[in-house]
């Protein structure tokens, strides 16, 4: 080249940039990697044990790994185990009115084993 600048090398005889063959990129082999689904949900109140059981059933039906839960409206620090699932909650010691605040994480049995 007369400009002295080095550009991308071309494949001999093809006239295209490396990795491109007749307009298509070369396929990249992907590994089979196991993935886990993590959900997030504003629960708008998870005050009762039946509501927590419903959240566990929803995670089980969806085969989820875990779920981050917001606005649980529960009180204090909690660790509740039910059917191999674990709920970890953190909220104010006292709720005012209908409640507000509070977060939690719901772990599936697989997530509990990893924890």
Foldseek 3Di string as FASTA:
>chain_A
DVVPDDDADDDPPQRDGPQDDPHDGDDDDDDDDDDFAEEEEALLEQADPVSVVVVVVVCVVVVHFKYKYWFHQYAAWDWDDDPQKIKTKHAHNDAPDPGGTIIIMIGHNVNVVVD
